[in-house]
Protein backbone atom coordinates (compact mmCIF):
# COMPACT_ATOMS: atom_id res chain seq x y z
CA MET A 1 -140.68 -2.83 13.77
CA PRO A 2 -138.95 -2.40 10.39
CA ILE A 3 -135.21 -2.94 10.66
CA ASP A 4 -134.45 0.40 9.02
CA ARG A 5 -136.16 2.16 11.95
CA LEU A 6 -133.84 0.66 14.54
CA ASP A 7 -131.71 3.50 15.96
CA TRP A 8 -128.26 2.25 16.91
CA ASP A 9 -127.52 5.46 18.82
CA ALA A 10 -130.53 4.80 21.07
CA LEU A 11 -129.25 1.27 21.69
CA ARG A 12 -125.81 2.66 22.51
CA VAL A 13 -127.41 4.99 25.07
CA PHE A 14 -129.50 2.09 26.38
CA ARG A 15 -126.35 0.02 27.02
CA GLU A 16 -124.78 2.88 29.00
CA VAL A 17 -127.91 3.33 31.13
CA ALA A 18 -128.06 -0.44 31.75
CA ASP A 19 -124.38 -0.42 32.73
CA THR A 20 -124.71 2.47 35.21
CA SER A 21 -128.33 1.84 36.36
CA SER A 22 -128.78 5.61 36.16
CA MET A 23 -129.88 8.10 33.51
CA SER A 24 -127.73 10.82 35.11
CA ALA A 25 -124.62 8.65 35.33
CA ALA A 26 -125.05 7.54 31.71
CA ALA A 27 -125.46 11.20 30.66
CA ALA A 28 -122.22 12.14 32.42
CA ARG A 29 -120.36 9.23 30.83
CA ILE A 30 -121.63 9.96 27.28
CA GLY A 31 -121.45 13.73 27.59
CA GLU A 32 -125.13 14.47 26.99
CA SER A 33 -127.83 15.92 29.22
CA PRO A 34 -130.10 13.67 31.34
CA PRO A 35 -133.24 14.87 29.48
CA THR A 36 -131.62 13.84 26.17
CA ILE A 37 -130.80 10.40 27.59
CA SER A 38 -134.35 10.02 28.90
CA ARG A 39 -135.79 11.07 25.54
CA LYS A 40 -133.69 8.50 23.65
CA ILE A 41 -134.78 5.73 26.01
CA ASP A 42 -138.42 6.78 25.53
CA GLU A 43 -137.93 6.69 21.75
CA LEU A 44 -136.37 3.22 21.96
CA GLU A 45 -139.27 1.92 24.06
CA ARG A 46 -141.82 3.35 21.59
CA ALA A 47 -139.96 1.82 18.64
CA LEU A 48 -139.74 -1.61 20.33
CA GLY A 49 -143.19 -1.46 21.85
CA VAL A 50 -141.94 -2.55 25.30
CA GLU A 51 -140.58 -0.95 28.44
CA VAL A 52 -136.87 -1.67 28.84
CA PHE A 53 -136.43 -0.07 32.27
CA THR A 54 -138.39 0.21 35.48
CA ARG A 55 -137.79 3.70 36.81
CA SER A 56 -137.65 4.69 40.49
CA THR A 57 -136.12 7.41 42.64
CA ARG A 58 -133.11 5.11 43.19
CA GLY A 59 -132.38 4.74 39.47
CA VAL A 60 -133.45 2.28 36.82
CA THR A 61 -133.53 -1.52 36.60
CA LEU A 62 -133.89 -3.66 33.52
CA THR A 63 -137.25 -5.25 32.82
CA THR A 64 -137.42 -8.81 31.52
CA ALA A 65 -137.78 -7.40 28.01
CA GLY A 66 -134.90 -5.02 28.71
CA GLN A 67 -132.62 -7.91 29.62
CA LYS A 68 -133.36 -9.51 26.26
CA VAL A 69 -132.79 -6.22 24.43
CA LEU A 70 -129.45 -5.86 26.24
CA GLN A 71 -128.32 -9.26 24.97
CA TYR A 72 -129.04 -8.23 21.38
CA ALA A 73 -127.48 -4.80 21.92
CA HIS A 74 -124.29 -6.51 23.12
CA ALA A 75 -124.36 -8.76 20.05
CA MET A 76 -124.73 -5.72 17.79
CA ALA A 77 -121.85 -3.98 19.57
CA GLU A 78 -119.76 -7.11 19.10
CA ALA A 79 -120.57 -7.13 15.39
CA ALA A 80 -119.50 -3.48 15.17
CA GLU A 81 -116.25 -4.36 16.99
CA MET A 82 -115.59 -7.21 14.57
CA LEU A 83 -116.30 -4.96 11.60
CA HIS A 84 -113.81 -2.41 12.93
CA ARG A 85 -111.22 -5.08 13.68
CA GLU A 86 -111.46 -6.83 10.31
CA THR A 87 -111.29 -3.61 8.33
CA ALA A 88 -108.55 -2.01 10.45
CA ALA A 89 -105.02 -1.74 9.14
CA PRO A 90 -102.66 -4.59 10.12
CA GLY A 91 -100.93 -4.04 13.45
CA THR A 92 -103.69 -1.82 14.85
CA ASP A 93 -103.70 -1.89 18.65
CA VAL A 94 -106.54 -3.56 20.52
CA SER A 95 -109.03 -0.97 21.76
CA GLY A 96 -112.42 -0.85 23.40
CA THR A 97 -114.04 -1.16 26.81
CA ILE A 98 -114.32 -4.27 28.99
CA THR A 99 -116.15 -4.52 32.33
CA LEU A 100 -114.75 -6.72 35.09
CA GLY A 101 -116.87 -7.64 38.10
CA THR A 102 -115.19 -8.77 41.34
CA GLY A 103 -115.78 -8.88 45.05
CA ASP A 104 -114.49 -6.39 47.59
CA GLY A 105 -111.08 -8.04 48.00
CA LEU A 106 -109.40 -9.37 44.86
CA GLY A 107 -110.53 -6.50 42.65
CA PRO A 108 -109.37 -3.49 44.67
CA TYR A 109 -106.42 -5.05 46.49
CA TRP A 110 -104.84 -7.52 44.07
CA ILE A 111 -106.01 -6.79 40.51
CA ALA A 112 -106.32 -2.98 40.48
CA PRO A 113 -102.72 -2.34 41.67
CA ARG A 114 -101.49 -4.57 38.83
CA LEU A 115 -103.59 -3.05 36.04
CA PRO A 116 -100.68 -0.82 34.97
CA GLN A 117 -99.00 -4.06 33.82
CA PHE A 118 -102.03 -4.79 31.63
CA HIS A 119 -102.15 -1.26 30.24
CA ALA A 120 -98.45 -1.35 29.41
CA ASP A 121 -99.40 -3.92 26.75
CA GLN A 122 -102.95 -2.72 26.03
CA PRO A 123 -102.92 1.09 26.41
CA ARG A 124 -106.12 1.59 24.39
CA VAL A 125 -108.33 -0.80 26.37
CA GLN A 126 -110.53 0.79 29.03
CA VAL A 127 -111.17 -1.50 32.00
CA ARG A 128 -114.24 -0.82 34.13
CA LEU A 129 -113.94 -2.50 37.52
CA MET A 130 -117.30 -3.10 39.20
CA ILE A 131 -117.42 -4.29 42.82
CA ASN A 132 -120.32 -6.65 43.44
CA ASP A 133 -121.75 -8.10 46.66
CA GLY A 134 -123.30 -11.01 44.77
CA VAL A 135 -122.66 -12.84 41.51
CA PRO A 136 -123.29 -10.56 38.51
CA ASP A 137 -125.45 -11.85 35.67
CA ILE A 138 -122.92 -12.49 32.91
CA GLU A 139 -125.53 -13.68 30.41
CA ALA A 140 -127.61 -10.52 30.88
CA GLY A 141 -124.51 -8.39 30.31
CA GLU A 142 -124.22 -6.84 33.78
CA VAL A 143 -120.44 -7.30 33.38
CA ASP A 144 -118.31 -8.86 30.65
CA VAL A 145 -115.94 -10.86 32.84
CA ALA A 146 -116.39 -11.79 36.50
CA ILE A 147 -114.38 -13.38 39.28
CA THR A 148 -116.70 -15.34 41.53
CA PHE A 149 -116.55 -17.72 44.47
CA SER A 150 -118.85 -20.26 42.85
CA ASP A 151 -118.63 -22.15 39.56
CA PRO A 152 -121.81 -21.27 37.60
CA ARG A 153 -121.80 -24.45 35.47
CA HIS A 154 -124.14 -22.91 32.86
CA SER A 155 -123.83 -24.15 29.31
CA ASP A 156 -123.54 -20.59 27.98
CA VAL A 157 -120.90 -19.49 30.52
CA ILE A 158 -117.21 -20.39 30.30
CA SER A 159 -115.42 -20.80 33.63
CA HIS A 160 -111.87 -21.54 34.75
CA LYS A 161 -110.63 -21.94 38.31
CA LEU A 162 -108.14 -19.18 39.08
CA GLY A 163 -107.05 -20.15 42.58
CA VAL A 164 -107.89 -20.36 46.26
CA GLN A 165 -108.13 -17.54 48.77
CA HIS A 166 -106.79 -18.63 52.14
CA TYR A 167 -108.32 -16.74 55.05
CA VAL A 168 -106.27 -16.21 58.21
CA GLY A 169 -106.44 -14.04 61.30
CA PHE A 170 -104.55 -10.74 61.43
CA ALA A 171 -104.03 -8.26 64.24
CA SER A 172 -101.95 -5.16 64.88
CA LYS A 173 -98.79 -5.22 66.99
CA ASP A 174 -100.51 -3.00 69.54
CA TYR A 175 -103.50 -5.35 69.82
CA ILE A 176 -101.21 -8.38 70.30
CA ALA A 177 -99.17 -6.53 72.94
CA LYS A 178 -102.32 -5.60 74.85
CA PHE A 179 -104.47 -8.71 74.50
CA GLY A 180 -102.03 -11.42 73.50
CA MET A 181 -102.27 -13.84 70.59
CA PRO A 182 -104.70 -16.77 70.56
CA GLU A 183 -102.84 -20.06 70.91
CA SER A 184 -105.34 -22.02 68.84
CA LEU A 185 -108.22 -21.41 66.46
CA PHE A 186 -110.68 -22.12 69.25
CA GLU A 187 -109.40 -19.22 71.32
CA TYR A 188 -110.78 -16.74 68.81
CA HIS A 189 -113.93 -16.48 70.93
CA LYS A 190 -111.84 -14.77 73.65
CA HIS A 191 -111.02 -11.88 71.31
CA ARG A 192 -112.74 -9.10 69.45
CA CYS A 193 -113.10 -10.36 65.86
CA ILE A 194 -113.87 -8.55 62.62
CA LEU A 195 -115.63 -10.20 59.70
CA HIS A 196 -116.72 -9.33 56.15
CA THR A 197 -120.39 -9.93 55.39
CA SER A 198 -119.49 -12.00 52.33
CA TYR A 199 -117.60 -14.44 54.57
CA VAL A 200 -120.80 -14.97 56.54
CA ASN A 201 -122.50 -16.00 53.31
CA GLN A 202 -119.60 -18.35 52.47
CA VAL A 203 -119.68 -20.21 55.80
CA GLU A 204 -120.64 -23.46 54.05
CA HIS A 205 -117.23 -23.37 52.34
CA TRP A 206 -115.31 -23.02 55.61
CA ALA A 207 -113.49 -26.03 57.01
CA PRO A 208 -115.83 -28.15 59.18
CA ARG A 209 -114.06 -27.18 62.40
CA MET A 210 -114.39 -23.53 61.46
CA SER A 211 -118.12 -23.81 60.87
CA GLU A 212 -118.38 -24.74 64.53
CA LEU A 213 -116.06 -21.89 65.48
CA ARG A 214 -118.24 -19.45 63.51
CA LYS A 215 -121.12 -20.34 65.85
CA MET A 216 -118.97 -19.75 68.95
CA VAL A 217 -117.45 -16.39 68.04
CA ASP A 218 -119.42 -13.22 68.73
CA PHE A 219 -117.93 -10.93 66.11
CA ALA A 220 -117.49 -7.38 67.39
CA PHE A 221 -117.58 -5.82 63.92
CA ILE A 222 -119.14 -7.08 60.70
CA THR A 223 -118.99 -4.96 57.53
CA ASN A 224 -119.21 -5.24 53.75
CA SER A 225 -116.06 -3.12 53.32
CA GLY A 226 -112.64 -4.69 53.09
CA THR A 227 -111.07 -1.28 53.70
CA ALA A 228 -113.03 -0.90 56.95
CA ILE A 229 -111.77 -4.30 58.17
CA ILE A 230 -108.16 -3.49 57.32
CA GLU A 231 -108.21 -0.07 58.94
CA SER A 232 -109.98 -1.27 62.09
CA CYS A 233 -107.64 -4.23 62.43
CA ALA A 234 -104.51 -2.14 61.78
CA ARG A 235 -105.53 0.35 64.50
CA GLY A 236 -106.09 -2.28 67.19
CA GLY A 237 -109.79 -2.91 66.65
CA GLY A 238 -109.47 -6.68 66.92
CA ILE A 239 -108.56 -9.78 64.94
CA GLY A 240 -109.51 -9.35 61.29
CA ILE A 241 -110.35 -12.36 59.16
CA LEU A 242 -108.60 -11.52 55.88
CA PRO A 243 -107.05 -13.22 52.84
CA SER A 244 -103.47 -14.31 53.51
CA TYR A 245 -102.08 -12.04 50.77
CA MET A 246 -102.86 -9.01 52.95
CA ALA A 247 -99.55 -9.76 54.66
CA LYS A 248 -97.85 -8.68 51.43
CA LEU A 249 -99.90 -5.52 51.03
CA ASP A 250 -100.03 -3.95 54.49
CA ASN A 251 -97.14 -4.19 56.97
CA ARG A 252 -99.35 -2.88 59.78
CA LEU A 253 -101.04 -6.29 59.86
CA VAL A 254 -99.48 -9.25 61.64
CA ALA A 255 -100.61 -12.72 60.56
CA LEU A 256 -101.38 -14.90 63.58
CA GLU A 257 -99.23 -18.03 63.84
CA LEU A 258 -102.25 -20.30 63.44
CA PRO A 259 -103.70 -22.53 60.67
CA GLU A 260 -105.90 -21.02 57.99
CA ILE A 261 -109.53 -20.42 58.83
CA ALA A 262 -111.00 -21.20 55.42
CA PRO A 263 -109.88 -21.99 51.86
CA ILE A 264 -112.29 -20.47 49.32
CA ARG A 265 -111.88 -21.32 45.62
CA PHE A 266 -112.59 -18.68 42.97
CA TRP A 267 -113.24 -18.76 39.22
CA ILE A 268 -113.09 -16.45 36.22
CA ILE A 269 -116.28 -16.56 34.16
CA TYR A 270 -117.26 -15.06 30.81
CA THR A 271 -119.24 -15.85 27.67
CA GLU A 272 -118.06 -16.89 24.23
CA ARG A 273 -119.26 -13.50 22.95
CA VAL A 274 -116.84 -11.71 25.29
CA ARG A 275 -113.99 -14.11 24.54
CA ARG A 276 -114.25 -13.22 20.84
CA LEU A 277 -113.84 -9.52 21.57
CA PRO A 278 -110.16 -8.51 21.26
CA GLN A 279 -110.31 -6.50 24.50
CA GLY A 280 -112.15 -9.38 26.19
CA LYS A 281 -109.56 -11.95 25.17
CA ALA A 282 -106.74 -9.60 26.19
CA LEU A 283 -108.13 -9.13 29.72
CA ILE A 284 -109.04 -12.80 30.19
CA ASP A 285 -105.58 -13.97 29.10
CA TRP A 286 -103.89 -11.41 31.34
CA LEU A 287 -105.96 -12.38 34.40
CA ARG A 288 -105.18 -16.07 33.89
CA ARG A 289 -101.46 -15.28 33.64
CA LEU A 290 -101.70 -13.04 36.70
CA PHE A 291 -103.00 -15.89 38.86
CA ASP A 292 -100.52 -18.34 37.38
CA SER A 293 -97.43 -16.23 38.08
CA GLN A 294 -94.73 -16.77 40.69
CA ASP A 295 -96.28 -14.11 42.89
CA ALA A 296 -99.60 -16.00 42.87
CA ILE A 297 -98.31 -18.55 45.40
CA TRP A 298 -100.76 -16.82 47.75
CA PHE A 299 -103.55 -18.46 45.72
CA ALA A 300 -102.12 -21.97 45.41
CA ASP A 301 -104.25 -24.94 46.42
CA GLN A 302 -101.91 -25.68 49.30
CA PHE A 303 -101.92 -23.06 52.05
CA VAL A 304 -98.62 -21.30 52.72
CA HIS A 305 -98.58 -19.27 55.92
CA PRO A 306 -97.42 -15.68 55.35
CA SER A 307 -94.44 -16.25 57.67
CA ASP A 308 -93.31 -19.15 55.43
CA HIS A 309 -93.92 -17.34 52.15
CA GLU A 310 -90.36 -16.29 51.31
CA ALA A 311 -88.93 -19.71 52.27
CA LYS A 312 -91.51 -21.43 50.07
CA LEU A 313 -90.61 -19.19 47.14
CA ARG A 314 -86.92 -20.04 47.53
CA GLU A 315 -87.86 -23.72 47.61
CA LEU A 316 -90.01 -23.49 44.46
CA TYR A 317 -87.76 -21.09 42.54
CA PRO A 318 -84.22 -21.66 43.82
CA ALA A 319 -82.56 -20.08 40.78
CA GLU A 320 -84.83 -17.05 40.69
CA LYS A 321 -85.02 -13.95 42.78
CA SER A 322 -88.07 -13.81 45.03
CA PRO A 323 -90.49 -10.98 44.17
CA SER A 324 -90.09 -7.88 46.28
CA PRO A 325 -92.67 -7.49 49.05
């Protein structure tokens, strides 16, 4: 295909469809009709001589050729960003879109509430937060930056450890009053317990004693929704296995006076291409500062029980005021 026949607008549309996995969603985002989006994808496929999407009633998925096209489309978008940046007037604010992929906990409950801090410094950067059950394909461009519970160790992927999520048991005051509090980790099997499906998949990372406990406990409720766990636990549904920082976010939850159930490390991952984007660098730097701040004691290597949190802060920062709960 001659280079002068390559339609950048069609590639722009292609990136939006790949990002949303839907012609209709891409049309709504761009402000064009679904038939127009479909026509531009058809034109791109004819020009390239390959199918870039597999279509079904549930949406579209990238073909192998489409994944390769997406990599080049991202590179072209990066080149356009660099052109804009290098020709912009000095002092121009960072702008653009960056997509962050996270699991069902850190993204909605810890990062999203703090995004106003990021936008106070970067008001022209649009952050798209995508919640993933698995690990998104960074190299294929499914997201730009991801927070994952495994270190990819790929030569083309940059990764930095951000911290450790410490999982503990929580219950409501009403549940504790009615059923009592387990006196040890191995009394969990006497209670109704609530678990996130992703924790089931992470069982190999649990402490050895907890792997045995996992086999003993018959969980009453297993879901892929953090919100469902929190609401069920807060209304007396049982003991919820949740990250320790939930004690800071929801005063309906009471952390059990027991050791942690599991420490799970997590990383931030991205590619060199994304790091070179101004909006990419801005988000990456902000996330690393966020998990290196005083308030990030929840994610330190050493577990601090929620009931000891304020005392630990006073010990670590005696001359500073502890952050408000």
